[in-house]
Amino acid sequence: MPKIHVLLKREELDPARLEGKVIIVLDILFATTTIVHALARGVSRILPVRNREDGLRAAAAIPACVLAGENLARPIPGFAPATPMALAEVGLDGSEMIYCTTNGTQALVAVSHAAPVYVGSMLNGKALVELVIARHTQASVLIVCSGSLARFNLEDFHGAGHLVAHFTQRGEYALTDAAIAALHAYRGCDTHTALAASRVGQMMIERDFGDEVDFASSHDTHEIVPTLVDGFLVRAAA
């Protein structure tokens, strides 16, 4: 029986143990939520990079791209916003995007050598799980919570539980203790309460980004499933 395991932060990644697993990366507030929404709003592909410097270097080779991101939850001068709703206002249809964040894109770069790699959020949990079960029936699943600068994040763990709930409703999986704990965390608290109570959620609400936290709390509203192909995030074919 395939297994589901949850890593509590990206620093727990062991590159030697990724082979043969389906990798799902989560950064609920906000990188992976933003990625899902940006692709839904018409971005053709997204290059996740570690930081501003990598983003500027990459942009030199991609004409007319959108540069977006944040550093330590603060805007980067000259970059488009890092949060989903604010970024969508930029005008994204058909564009290519380079995206850097403190945690989420770092996690994606860390697993970029693995395959398959998918991006999850509260927005696309159902669609993501259905695609994984259809494409990778007997594969074990590793859900990677990005965390925050080597710290555990409640919102990512809650998001992992959301995915585990969908997997257990639709397939036969053995859950590790971490996956069981994530499932209980998800079932024990509604999503908006969990995200708003989290450290990052509270910080964003204090900075008048409460609407972005509300948006990230939405369940299964998007059919987009981003996947890594040659370093770029693109829509997985149905």
C-alpha atoms as a PDB file:
ATOM      1  CA  MET A   1       0.000   0.000   0.000  1.00  0.00           C
ATOM      2  CA  PRO A   2       1.418   3.453  -0.882  1.00  0.00           C
ATOM      3  CA  LYS A   3       2.207   5.815   1.993  1.00  0.00           C
ATOM      4  CA  ILE A   4       1.584   9.479   2.720  1.00  0.00           C
ATOM      5  CA  HIS A   5       4.148  11.346   4.775  1.00  0.00           C
ATOM      6  CA  VAL A   6       4.317  15.014   5.769  1.00  0.00           C
ATOM      7  CA  LEU A   7       7.509  17.000   6.317  1.00  0.00           C
ATOM      8  CA  LEU A   8       7.001  19.851   8.784  1.00  0.00           C
ATOM      9  CA  LYS A   9       9.476  22.213   7.069  1.00  0.00           C
ATOM     10  CA  ARG A  10      11.626  22.267   3.942  1.00  0.00           C
ATOM     11  CA  GLU A  11      14.804  21.871   5.963  1.00  0.00           C
ATOM     12  CA  GLU A  12      13.766  18.247   6.645  1.00  0.00           C
ATOM     13  CA  LEU A  13      14.129  17.363   2.967  1.00  0.00           C
ATOM     14  CA  ASP A  14      16.547  14.530   2.231  1.00  0.00           C
ATOM     15  CA  PRO A  15      17.316  14.568  -1.523  1.00  0.00           C
ATOM     16  CA  ALA A  16      18.353  10.916  -1.387  1.00  0.00           C
ATOM     17  CA  ARG A  17      14.849   9.877  -0.281  1.00  0.00           C
ATOM     18  CA  LEU A  18      12.767  11.590  -2.951  1.00  0.00           C
ATOM     19  CA  GLU A  19      13.098   9.029  -5.728  1.00  0.00           C
ATOM     20  CA  GLY A  20       9.921   7.135  -6.535  1.00  0.00           C
ATOM     21  CA  LYS A  21       7.678   9.496  -4.556  1.00  0.00           C
ATOM     22  CA  VAL A  22       5.145  12.068  -5.645  1.00  0.00           C
ATOM     23  CA  ILE A  23       6.287  15.383  -4.140  1.00  0.00           C
ATOM     24  CA  ILE A  24       3.730  18.051  -3.213  1.00  0.00           C
ATOM     25  CA  VAL A  25       4.988  21.431  -1.983  1.00  0.00           C
ATOM     26  CA  LEU A  26       2.851  23.670   0.234  1.00  0.00           C
ATOM     27  CA  ASP A  27       3.297  27.303   1.253  1.00  0.00           C
ATOM     28  CA  ILE A  28      -0.274  28.310   2.022  1.00  0.00           C
ATOM     29  CA  LEU A  29       0.569  31.939   3.007  1.00  0.00           C
ATOM     30  CA  PHE A  30       1.294  32.600   0.247  1.00  0.00           C
ATOM     31  CA  ALA A  31       3.669  31.191  -2.371  1.00  0.00           C
ATOM     32  CA  THR A  32       1.838  28.069  -3.513  1.00  0.00           C
ATOM     33  CA  THR A  33      -1.566  29.753  -3.246  1.00  0.00           C
ATOM     34  CA  THR A  34      -0.209  32.556  -5.440  1.00  0.00           C
ATOM     35  CA  ILE A  35       1.235  30.094  -7.961  1.00  0.00           C
ATOM     36  CA  VAL A  36      -2.081  28.254  -8.336  1.00  0.00           C
ATOM     37  CA  HIS A  37      -4.013  31.496  -8.744  1.00  0.00           C
ATOM     38  CA  ALA A  38      -1.505  33.061 -11.146  1.00  0.00           C
ATOM     39  CA  LEU A  39      -1.679  30.073 -13.490  1.00  0.00           C
ATOM     40  CA  ALA A  40      -5.470  30.172 -13.240  1.00  0.00           C
ATOM     41  CA  ARG A  41      -5.380  33.852 -14.206  1.00  0.00           C
ATOM     42  CA  GLY A  42      -3.453  33.172 -17.395  1.00  0.00           C
ATOM     43  CA  VAL A  43       0.265  33.063 -16.608  1.00  0.00           C
ATOM     44  CA  SER A  44       1.831  30.653 -19.097  1.00  0.00           C
ATOM     45  CA  ARG A  45       4.617  29.395 -16.834  1.00  0.00           C
ATOM     46  CA  ILE A  46       6.412  30.360 -13.629  1.00  0.00           C
ATOM     47  CA  LEU A  47      10.098  30.039 -12.783  1.00  0.00           C
ATOM     48  CA  PRO A  48      10.579  29.680  -9.014  1.00  0.00           C
ATOM     49  CA  VAL A  49      13.893  31.105  -7.819  1.00  0.00           C
ATOM     50  CA  ARG A  50      15.598  31.462  -4.457  1.00  0.00           C
ATOM     51  CA  ASN A  51      15.931  35.238  -4.167  1.00  0.00           C
ATOM     52  CA  ARG A  52      15.936  38.649  -5.805  1.00  0.00           C
ATOM     53  CA  GLU A  53      19.395  38.219  -7.334  1.00  0.00           C
ATOM     54  CA  ASP A  54      18.485  34.900  -8.982  1.00  0.00           C
ATOM     55  CA  GLY A  55      15.269  36.476 -10.221  1.00  0.00           C
ATOM     56  CA  LEU A  56      17.036  39.409 -11.855  1.00  0.00           C
ATOM     57  CA  ARG A  57      19.546  37.093 -13.541  1.00  0.00           C
ATOM     58  CA  ALA A  58      16.764  34.894 -14.870  1.00  0.00           C
ATOM     59  CA  ALA A  59      14.757  37.896 -16.087  1.00  0.00           C
ATOM     60  CA  ALA A  60      17.613  38.950 -18.339  1.00  0.00           C
ATOM     61  CA  ALA A  61      16.966  35.836 -20.440  1.00  0.00           C
ATOM     62  CA  ILE A  62      13.135  36.025 -20.451  1.00  0.00           C
ATOM     63  CA  PRO A  63      11.853  39.090 -22.314  1.00  0.00           C
ATOM     64  CA  ALA A  64       8.756  40.863 -20.978  1.00  0.00           C
ATOM     65  CA  CYS A  65       8.374  38.568 -17.972  1.00  0.00           C
ATOM     66  CA  VAL A  66       6.648  39.497 -14.734  1.00  0.00           C
ATOM     67  CA  LEU A  67       9.039  39.627 -11.772  1.00  0.00           C
ATOM     68  CA  ALA A  68       7.171  39.022  -8.509  1.00  0.00           C
ATOM     69  CA  GLY A  69       8.114  38.160  -4.962  1.00  0.00           C
ATOM     70  CA  GLU A  70       8.850  39.069  -1.381  1.00  0.00           C
ATOM     71  CA  ASN A  71      11.683  38.849   1.098  1.00  0.00           C
ATOM     72  CA  LEU A  72      10.936  38.252   4.765  1.00  0.00           C
ATOM     73  CA  ALA A  73       7.264  39.056   4.041  1.00  0.00           C
ATOM     74  CA  ARG A  74       8.137  42.486   2.663  1.00  0.00           C
ATOM     75  CA  PRO A  75       7.837  43.755  -0.924  1.00  0.00           C
ATOM     76  CA  ILE A  76      10.916  43.744  -3.140  1.00  0.00           C
ATOM     77  CA  PRO A  77      11.402  47.116  -4.863  1.00  0.00           C
ATOM     78  CA  GLY A  78      10.618  46.829  -8.556  1.00  0.00           C
ATOM     79  CA  PHE A  79       8.889  43.458  -8.172  1.00  0.00           C
ATOM     80  CA  ALA A  80       5.165  42.749  -8.507  1.00  0.00           C
ATOM     81  CA  PRO A  81       3.304  41.695  -5.332  1.00  0.00           C
ATOM     82  CA  ALA A  82       3.805  38.200  -3.935  1.00  0.00           C
ATOM     83  CA  THR A  83       0.239  37.620  -2.722  1.00  0.00           C
ATOM     84  CA  PRO A  84      -2.430  36.060  -4.954  1.00  0.00           C
ATOM     85  CA  MET A  85      -5.089  38.756  -5.179  1.00  0.00           C
ATOM     86  CA  ALA A  86      -2.677  41.679  -5.431  1.00  0.00           C
ATOM     87  CA  LEU A  87      -0.600  39.930  -8.092  1.00  0.00           C
ATOM     88  CA  ALA A  88      -3.690  39.117 -10.155  1.00  0.00           C
ATOM     89  CA  GLU A  89      -4.325  42.859 -10.490  1.00  0.00           C
ATOM     90  CA  VAL A  90      -1.059  43.300 -12.400  1.00  0.00           C
ATOM     91  CA  GLY A  91      -2.403  41.792 -15.620  1.00  0.00           C
ATOM     92  CA  LEU A  92      -1.024  38.314 -16.110  1.00  0.00           C
ATOM     93  CA  ASP A  93      -2.751  36.761 -19.119  1.00  0.00           C
ATOM     94  CA  GLY A  94      -0.231  34.999 -21.355  1.00  0.00           C
ATOM     95  CA  SER A  95       2.805  36.258 -19.466  1.00  0.00           C
ATOM     96  CA  GLU A  96       5.762  34.358 -18.091  1.00  0.00           C
ATOM     97  CA  MET A  97       6.591  34.956 -14.448  1.00  0.00           C
ATOM     98  CA  ILE A  98       9.680  34.721 -12.259  1.00  0.00           C
ATOM     99  CA  TYR A  99       8.766  34.332  -8.607  1.00  0.00           C
ATOM    100  CA  CYS A 100      10.858  34.422  -5.444  1.00  0.00           C
ATOM    101  CA  THR A 101       9.724  34.098  -1.840  1.00  0.00           C
ATOM    102  CA  THR A 102      11.348  33.519   1.516  1.00  0.00           C
ATOM    103  CA  ASN A 103      10.146  29.933   1.883  1.00  0.00           C
ATOM    104  CA  GLY A 104       7.894  28.472  -0.798  1.00  0.00           C
ATOM    105  CA  THR A 105      10.020  28.982  -3.875  1.00  0.00           C
ATOM    106  CA  GLN A 106      13.072  27.895  -1.903  1.00  0.00           C
ATOM    107  CA  ALA A 107      11.323  24.580  -1.218  1.00  0.00           C
ATOM    108  CA  LEU A 108      10.461  24.225  -4.903  1.00  0.00           C
ATOM    109  CA  VAL A 109      14.052  24.859  -5.954  1.00  0.00           C
ATOM    110  CA  ALA A 110      15.188  22.277  -3.387  1.00  0.00           C
ATOM    111  CA  VAL A 111      13.049  19.553  -5.009  1.00  0.00           C
ATOM    112  CA  SER A 112      13.496  20.673  -8.617  1.00  0.00           C
ATOM    113  CA  HIS A 113      15.689  17.656  -9.386  1.00  0.00           C
ATOM    114  CA  ALA A 114      12.882  15.274  -8.374  1.00  0.00           C
ATOM    115  CA  ALA A 115       9.867  14.161 -10.381  1.00  0.00           C
ATOM    116  CA  PRO A 116       6.956  14.367 -10.253  1.00  0.00           C
ATOM    117  CA  VAL A 117       6.599  17.589  -8.270  1.00  0.00           C
ATOM    118  CA  TYR A 118       3.255  19.346  -7.802  1.00  0.00           C
ATOM    119  CA  VAL A 119       2.121  22.535  -6.084  1.00  0.00           C
ATOM    120  CA  GLY A 120      -0.749  22.417  -3.610  1.00  0.00           C
ATOM    121  CA  SER A 121      -2.942  24.880  -1.751  1.00  0.00           C
ATOM    122  CA  MET A 122      -6.361  24.990  -0.156  1.00  0.00           C
ATOM    123  CA  LEU A 123      -7.610  26.273  -3.519  1.00  0.00           C
ATOM    124  CA  ASN A 124      -6.732  23.212  -5.596  1.00  0.00           C
ATOM    125  CA  GLY A 125      -6.588  20.338  -3.095  1.00  0.00           C
ATOM    126  CA  LYS A 126      -9.354  18.251  -4.633  1.00  0.00           C
ATOM    127  CA  ALA A 127      -8.111  18.657  -8.214  1.00  0.00           C
ATOM    128  CA  LEU A 128      -4.523  17.909  -7.173  1.00  0.00           C
ATOM    129  CA  VAL A 129      -5.384  14.740  -5.294  1.00  0.00           C
ATOM    130  CA  GLU A 130      -7.593  13.459  -8.095  1.00  0.00           C
ATOM    131  CA  LEU A 131      -4.776  14.003 -10.602  1.00  0.00           C
ATOM    132  CA  VAL A 132      -2.179  12.293  -8.397  1.00  0.00           C
ATOM    133  CA  ILE A 133      -4.389   9.259  -7.822  1.00  0.00           C
ATOM    134  CA  ALA A 134      -5.164   8.988 -11.540  1.00  0.00           C
ATOM    135  CA  ARG A 135      -1.558   9.354 -12.681  1.00  0.00           C
ATOM    136  CA  HIS A 136       0.418   7.745  -9.849  1.00  0.00           C
ATOM    137  CA  THR A 137      -1.883   5.059  -8.490  1.00  0.00           C
ATOM    138  CA  GLN A 138       0.661   3.087  -6.461  1.00  0.00           C
ATOM    139  CA  ALA A 139       3.141   5.848  -5.663  1.00  0.00           C
ATOM    140  CA  SER A 140       3.815   7.074  -2.148  1.00  0.00           C
ATOM    141  CA  VAL A 141       3.242  10.770  -1.548  1.00  0.00           C
ATOM    142  CA  LEU A 142       5.524  13.197   0.278  1.00  0.00           C
ATOM    143  CA  ILE A 143       3.855  16.466   1.295  1.00  0.00           C
ATOM    144  CA  VAL A 144       6.473  19.138   1.976  1.00  0.00           C
ATOM    145  CA  CYS A 145       5.413  22.007   4.226  1.00  0.00           C
ATOM    146  CA  SER A 146       7.698  24.915   3.402  1.00  0.00           C
ATOM    147  CA  GLY A 147       7.612  26.266   6.935  1.00  0.00           C
ATOM    148  CA  SER A 148       9.127  29.628   7.766  1.00  0.00           C
ATOM    149  CA  LEU A 149      12.892  30.058   8.123  1.00  0.00           C
ATOM    150  CA  ALA A 150      13.314  26.581   9.630  1.00  0.00           C
ATOM    151  CA  ARG A 151      10.208  26.938  11.816  1.00  0.00           C
ATOM    152  CA  PHE A 152       6.981  24.934  11.808  1.00  0.00           C
ATOM    153  CA  ASN A 153       3.994  26.745  10.252  1.00  0.00           C
ATOM    154  CA  LEU A 154       0.434  25.999  11.336  1.00  0.00           C
ATOM    155  CA  GLU A 155      -1.066  27.011   7.988  1.00  0.00           C
ATOM    156  CA  ASP A 156       1.094  24.616   5.970  1.00  0.00           C
ATOM    157  CA  PHE A 157       0.374  21.746   8.355  1.00  0.00           C
ATOM    158  CA  HIS A 158      -3.354  22.483   8.147  1.00  0.00           C
ATOM    159  CA  GLY A 159      -3.044  22.514   4.350  1.00  0.00           C
ATOM    160  CA  ALA A 160      -1.292  19.143   4.453  1.00  0.00           C
ATOM    161  CA  GLY A 161      -4.228  17.784   6.438  1.00  0.00           C
ATOM    162  CA  HIS A 162      -6.587  19.088   3.763  1.00  0.00           C
ATOM    163  CA  LEU A 163      -4.719  17.034   1.164  1.00  0.00           C
ATOM    164  CA  VAL A 164      -4.537  13.955   3.400  1.00  0.00           C
ATOM    165  CA  ALA A 165      -8.313  14.146   3.892  1.00  0.00           C
ATOM    166  CA  HIS A 166      -8.837  14.135   0.114  1.00  0.00           C
ATOM    167  CA  PHE A 167      -6.386  11.256  -0.375  1.00  0.00           C
ATOM    168  CA  THR A 168      -8.039   9.070   2.262  1.00  0.00           C
ATOM    169  CA  GLN A 169     -11.498   9.747   0.837  1.00  0.00           C
ATOM    170  CA  ARG A 170     -10.430   8.686  -2.653  1.00  0.00           C
ATOM    171  CA  GLY A 171      -7.712   6.055  -2.278  1.00  0.00           C
ATOM    172  CA  GLU A 172      -6.039   3.452  -0.089  1.00  0.00           C
ATOM    173  CA  TYR A 173      -3.004   4.886   1.687  1.00  0.00           C
ATOM    174  CA  ALA A 174      -0.992   4.100   4.793  1.00  0.00           C
ATOM    175  CA  LEU A 175      -0.476   7.262   6.812  1.00  0.00           C
ATOM    176  CA  THR A 176       2.653   8.038   8.789  1.00  0.00           C
ATOM    177  CA  ASP A 177       2.254   9.622  12.206  1.00  0.00           C
ATOM    178  CA  ALA A 178       2.947  13.046  10.727  1.00  0.00           C
ATOM    179  CA  ALA A 179       0.205  12.551   8.120  1.00  0.00           C
ATOM    180  CA  ILE A 180      -2.237  11.386  10.825  1.00  0.00           C
ATOM    181  CA  ALA A 181      -1.394  14.444  12.928  1.00  0.00           C
ATOM    182  CA  ALA A 182      -1.960  16.756   9.951  1.00  0.00           C
ATOM    183  CA  LEU A 183      -5.324  15.139   9.291  1.00  0.00           C
ATOM    184  CA  HIS A 184      -6.392  15.670  12.917  1.00  0.00           C
ATOM    185  CA  ALA A 185      -5.180  19.281  12.792  1.00  0.00           C
ATOM    186  CA  TYR A 186      -7.271  19.870   9.687  1.00  0.00           C
ATOM    187  CA  ARG A 187     -10.396  18.196  11.031  1.00  0.00           C
ATOM    188  CA  GLY A 188     -10.080  19.897  14.419  1.00  0.00           C
ATOM    189  CA  CYS A 189     -10.249  23.494  13.173  1.00  0.00           C
ATOM    190  CA  ASP A 190     -11.869  25.320  10.271  1.00  0.00           C
ATOM    191  CA  THR A 191      -9.414  26.683   7.743  1.00  0.00           C
ATOM    192  CA  HIS A 192      -9.999  30.388   8.156  1.00  0.00           C
ATOM    193  CA  THR A 193      -9.582  30.131  11.928  1.00  0.00           C
ATOM    194  CA  ALA A 194      -6.338  28.165  11.522  1.00  0.00           C
ATOM    195  CA  LEU A 195      -4.833  30.522   8.963  1.00  0.00           C
ATOM    196  CA  ALA A 196      -5.884  33.685  10.790  1.00  0.00           C
ATOM    197  CA  ALA A 197      -4.512  32.358  14.097  1.00  0.00           C
ATOM    198  CA  SER A 198      -1.143  31.362  12.633  1.00  0.00           C
ATOM    199  CA  ARG A 199       1.917  33.562  13.141  1.00  0.00           C
ATOM    200  CA  VAL A 200       2.121  34.486   9.459  1.00  0.00           C
ATOM    201  CA  GLY A 201      -1.640  34.942   9.235  1.00  0.00           C
ATOM    202  CA  GLN A 202      -1.671  37.348  12.164  1.00  0.00           C
ATOM    203  CA  MET A 203       1.249  39.278  10.709  1.00  0.00           C
ATOM    204  CA  MET A 204      -0.518  39.618   7.358  1.00  0.00           C
ATOM    205  CA  ILE A 205      -3.786  40.708   8.978  1.00  0.00           C
ATOM    206  CA  GLU A 206      -1.896  43.351  10.973  1.00  0.00           C
ATOM    207  CA  ARG A 207      -0.493  44.623   7.657  1.00  0.00           C
ATOM    208  CA  ASP A 208      -4.009  44.909   6.150  1.00  0.00           C
ATOM    209  CA  PHE A 209      -3.737  41.735   4.086  1.00  0.00           C
ATOM    210  CA  GLY A 210      -6.707  40.073   5.779  1.00  0.00           C
ATOM    211  CA  ASP A 211      -8.460  39.708   2.419  1.00  0.00           C
ATOM    212  CA  GLU A 212      -5.505  37.667   1.158  1.00  0.00           C
ATOM    213  CA  VAL A 213      -5.747  35.360   4.188  1.00  0.00           C
ATOM    214  CA  ASP A 214      -9.479  34.983   3.518  1.00  0.00           C
ATOM    215  CA  PHE A 215      -8.749  34.109  -0.110  1.00  0.00           C
ATOM    216  CA  ALA A 216      -6.093  31.545   0.805  1.00  0.00           C
ATOM    217  CA  SER A 217      -8.650  29.861   3.099  1.00  0.00           C
ATOM    218  CA  SER A 218     -10.992  28.994   0.213  1.00  0.00           C
ATOM    219  CA  HIS A 219     -11.460  25.277  -0.424  1.00  0.00           C
ATOM    220  CA  ASP A 220     -11.242  23.551  -3.803  1.00  0.00           C
ATOM    221  CA  THR A 221     -12.126  26.526  -5.973  1.00  0.00           C
ATOM    222  CA  HIS A 222      -9.442  25.970  -8.640  1.00  0.00           C
ATOM    223  CA  GLU A 223      -8.890  23.112 -11.080  1.00  0.00           C
ATOM    224  CA  ILE A 224      -5.316  24.173 -11.871  1.00  0.00           C
ATOM    225  CA  VAL A 225      -2.577  21.744 -10.807  1.00  0.00           C
ATOM    226  CA  PRO A 226       0.900  23.234 -11.226  1.00  0.00           C
ATOM    227  CA  THR A 227       3.751  20.833 -11.911  1.00  0.00           C
ATOM    228  CA  LEU A 228       7.492  21.347 -12.349  1.00  0.00           C
ATOM    229  CA  VAL A 229       8.801  20.714 -15.865  1.00  0.00           C
ATOM    230  CA  ASP A 230      12.435  21.625 -16.630  1.00  0.00           C
ATOM    231  CA  GLY A 231      12.474  24.027 -13.702  1.00  0.00           C
ATOM    232  CA  PHE A 232       9.281  25.863 -14.695  1.00  0.00           C
ATOM    233  CA  LEU A 233       5.845  25.488 -13.130  1.00  0.00           C
ATOM    234  CA  VAL A 234       3.178  24.816 -15.747  1.00  0.00           C
ATOM    235  CA  ARG A 235      -0.379  23.529 -15.728  1.00  0.00           C
ATOM    236  CA  ALA A 236      -0.480  19.736 -15.536  1.00  0.00           C
ATOM    237  CA  ALA A 237      -2.433  18.308 -18.447  1.00  0.00           C
ATOM    238  CA  ALA A 238      -5.786  16.837 -17.482  1.00  0.00           C
END
